[in-house]
């Protein structure tokens, strides 16, 4: 019987020789028919500690290695996506009371005092 092979994303690589891989699958909801994503985490054996969080990997079913590890990492499918961060040194100025717009009044309009010129 062939061994199952799954593709997923490494969620954690904190354990020694172990990675946690999240495998997502798309399923049609039985009643509503909407396609939803379901995910499951697998503990996989990584002998060389070669895989980091965020990488796409393929894992294969194997004989039990420990209580939770029944999978081994085969190879890397894709590298971790780098997140581009831009730092700005702009300071946000708060508007002064003179710059704030006047509040609109509901209902009756207030009578404005007439300006007298003398």
Protein backbone atom coordinates (compact mmCIF):
# COMPACT_ATOMS: atom_id res chain seq x y z
CA UNK A 1 0.00 0.00 0.00
CA UNK A 2 1.49 3.39 -0.95
CA UNK A 3 2.34 5.91 1.72
CA UNK A 4 0.33 9.13 1.84
CA UNK A 5 2.10 12.33 0.78
CA UNK A 6 0.71 15.72 1.85
CA UNK A 7 1.77 19.31 1.18
CA UNK A 8 1.59 21.97 3.88
CA UNK A 9 3.17 24.95 5.58
CA UNK A 10 5.64 24.69 8.45
CA UNK A 11 4.01 26.39 11.45
CA UNK A 12 6.63 25.67 14.10
CA UNK A 13 10.22 24.46 14.06
CA UNK A 14 10.96 24.84 17.77
CA UNK A 15 11.24 21.16 18.60
CA UNK A 16 14.52 19.30 18.07
CA UNK A 17 14.32 17.33 14.78
CA UNK A 18 10.58 18.07 14.63
CA UNK A 19 8.47 20.47 12.62
CA UNK A 20 4.75 21.10 12.85
CA UNK A 21 3.11 21.24 9.42
CA UNK A 22 -0.37 22.67 8.79
CA UNK A 23 -2.13 20.98 5.87
CA UNK A 24 -5.17 22.78 4.46
CA UNK A 25 -7.86 21.14 2.41
CA UNK A 26 -10.88 22.62 0.67
CA UNK A 27 -14.24 20.97 1.28
CA UNK A 28 -17.74 21.74 0.07
CA UNK A 29 -20.13 22.38 2.99
CA UNK A 30 -22.73 19.58 3.03
CA UNK A 31 -25.76 21.85 3.49
CA UNK A 32 -24.84 25.28 2.18
CA UNK A 33 -22.52 24.22 -0.64
CA UNK A 34 -19.90 26.88 0.13
CA UNK A 35 -16.27 25.86 -0.28
CA UNK A 36 -14.54 26.10 3.12
CA UNK A 37 -10.94 25.54 4.22
CA UNK A 38 -10.22 22.93 6.87
CA UNK A 39 -6.75 22.48 8.31
CA UNK A 40 -4.96 19.91 10.41
CA UNK A 41 -1.52 19.97 12.04
CA UNK A 42 0.95 17.10 11.69
CA UNK A 43 4.21 16.57 13.59
CA UNK A 44 6.90 15.56 11.10
CA UNK A 45 10.47 14.34 11.56
CA UNK A 46 13.18 16.73 10.30
CA UNK A 47 16.53 14.98 10.87
CA UNK A 48 18.79 17.92 9.96
CA UNK A 49 16.62 20.74 11.39
CA UNK A 50 16.70 22.16 7.85
CA UNK A 51 13.20 23.62 7.60
CA UNK A 52 12.02 26.95 9.02
CA UNK A 53 8.58 28.34 9.79
CA UNK A 54 6.68 29.60 6.77
CA UNK A 55 8.14 27.18 4.21
CA UNK A 56 6.00 24.93 2.03
CA UNK A 57 7.03 21.27 2.46
CA UNK A 58 5.92 17.79 1.47
CA UNK A 59 5.53 15.20 4.21
CA UNK A 60 5.22 11.43 3.91
CA UNK A 61 3.60 8.91 6.20
CA UNK A 62 6.03 6.60 8.06
CA UNK A 63 6.25 4.22 10.98
CA UNK A 64 5.74 5.87 14.39
CA UNK A 65 8.86 7.73 15.54
CA UNK A 66 7.39 9.02 18.81
CA UNK A 67 3.98 9.49 20.40
CA UNK A 68 2.92 12.20 17.94
CA UNK A 69 5.35 11.82 15.01
CA UNK A 70 4.15 9.54 12.22
CA UNK A 71 5.39 11.67 9.31
CA UNK A 72 8.76 12.61 7.79
CA UNK A 73 9.60 15.68 5.73
CA UNK A 74 10.45 14.78 2.12
CA UNK A 75 11.46 18.07 0.55
CA UNK A 76 10.88 21.80 0.30
CA UNK A 77 8.21 22.94 -2.18
CA UNK A 78 8.52 26.69 -1.64
CA UNK A 79 10.59 29.03 0.48
CA UNK A 80 9.14 31.26 3.18
CA UNK A 81 7.60 34.44 1.82
CA UNK A 82 9.46 37.51 2.97
CA UNK A 83 7.37 40.29 4.41
CA UNK A 84 8.41 43.72 3.24
CA UNK A 85 8.31 46.34 5.97
CA UNK A 86 8.62 50.06 5.31
CA UNK A 87 9.52 52.33 8.20
CA UNK A 88 8.38 55.93 8.12
CA UNK A 89 9.39 58.81 10.35
CA UNK A 90 6.23 60.86 9.73
CA UNK A 91 4.57 62.34 12.77
CA UNK A 92 0.84 62.62 12.74
CA UNK A 93 -0.26 66.14 13.71
CA UNK A 94 -3.51 66.45 15.59
CA UNK A 95 -5.75 69.26 14.30
CA UNK A 96 -6.06 72.34 16.45
CA UNK A 97 -9.54 73.56 17.46
CA UNK A 98 -9.41 76.23 14.75
CA UNK A 99 -8.84 73.55 12.07
CA UNK A 100 -11.68 71.27 13.18
CA UNK A 101 -14.85 71.57 11.12
CA UNK A 102 -17.94 73.00 12.80
CA UNK A 103 -20.56 70.51 13.93
CA UNK A 104 -23.76 70.40 11.95
CA UNK A 105 -26.90 71.08 13.96
CA UNK A 106 -30.01 69.00 13.62
CA UNK A 107 -33.51 70.35 13.70
CA UNK A 108 -33.82 74.06 14.44
CA UNK A 109 -31.06 76.29 13.19
CA UNK A 110 -29.57 78.60 15.74
CA UNK A 111 -29.91 82.30 15.04
CA UNK A 112 -26.56 83.90 14.44
CA UNK A 113 -25.98 87.30 16.01
CA UNK A 114 -26.03 90.10 13.43
CA UNK A 115 -22.77 91.88 12.95
CA UNK A 116 -23.11 95.61 13.54
CA UNK A 117 -20.87 98.02 11.79
CA UNK A 118 -20.47 101.40 13.37
